[in-house]
Every structure is written in C-alpha cells, then in structure tokens.
Protein backbone atom coordinates (compact mmCIF):
# COMPACT_ATOMS: atom_id res chain seq x y z
CA MET A 1 62.81 71.06 4.43
CA ARG A 2 59.25 70.84 3.25
CA ASP A 3 57.63 73.73 1.46
CA GLU A 4 54.56 75.57 2.73
CA ALA A 5 52.20 73.96 0.22
CA GLU A 6 53.13 70.47 1.39
CA ILE A 7 52.72 71.41 5.05
CA ARG A 8 49.34 73.04 4.33
CA GLU A 9 48.21 69.94 2.46
CA GLN A 10 49.10 67.75 5.45
CA TYR A 11 47.34 70.17 7.81
CA GLU A 12 44.15 70.07 5.72
CA PHE A 13 44.32 66.27 5.53
CA LEU A 14 44.63 66.00 9.31
CA ALA A 15 41.77 68.45 9.86
CA GLU A 16 39.53 66.28 7.66
CA GLU A 17 40.69 63.07 9.36
CA LEU A 18 39.92 64.48 12.82
CA ASP A 19 36.39 65.32 11.70
CA SER A 20 35.86 61.84 10.27
CA GLU A 21 33.60 59.34 12.02
CA GLU A 22 36.38 56.74 11.94
CA MET A 23 38.53 58.76 14.36
CA ARG A 24 36.69 57.70 17.50
CA HIS A 25 39.57 56.14 19.42
CA GLU A 26 40.70 58.78 21.93
CA SER A 27 44.47 58.13 21.84
CA VAL A 28 44.46 58.32 18.02
CA ARG A 29 42.50 61.59 18.19
CA GLN A 30 45.01 63.02 20.67
CA LEU A 31 47.96 62.02 18.48
CA PHE A 32 46.45 63.64 15.40
CA THR A 33 45.48 66.73 17.41
CA HIS A 34 49.06 67.21 18.62
CA TYR A 35 50.46 66.67 15.12
CA LYS A 36 47.94 69.12 13.66
CA ARG A 37 48.87 71.70 16.31
CA ALA A 38 52.58 71.28 15.55
CA LEU A 39 51.96 71.81 11.84
CA GLY A 40 49.96 74.93 12.67
CA TRP A 41 52.90 76.30 14.65
CA VAL A 42 55.23 75.66 11.70
CA LEU A 43 52.88 77.55 9.39
CA GLU A 44 52.64 80.46 11.85
CA GLU A 45 56.41 80.74 12.23
CA GLU A 46 56.82 80.88 8.45
CA HIS A 47 54.75 84.09 8.42
CA ILE A 48 56.50 85.90 11.29
C-alpha cells in the first residue's frame, strides 16, 4: 500500500502533466484525467 505522500506526489505530477502543452492528444488526456480522478478518490477516502 502506498502512503499518502506518494499518492499526493503522483496527483500533483498528473495535474502538471495535464496542463502541459505536450498533452494535446485527446485519448492521452482522457487517460490521465481518469487516473487523476481515481487518485483524488483515494485521497478523499483516506480522510473519511
């Protein structure tokens, strides 16, 4: 199981990648968006 700091680091990385100019291909953007959303849910559940 990964710790919260590692998950947060991945979430921040994905947020930056999604904002990058290189992420123009729509299917890649969708994949990263879904992964980012899943990480967000994990972080929310940790705080419930």
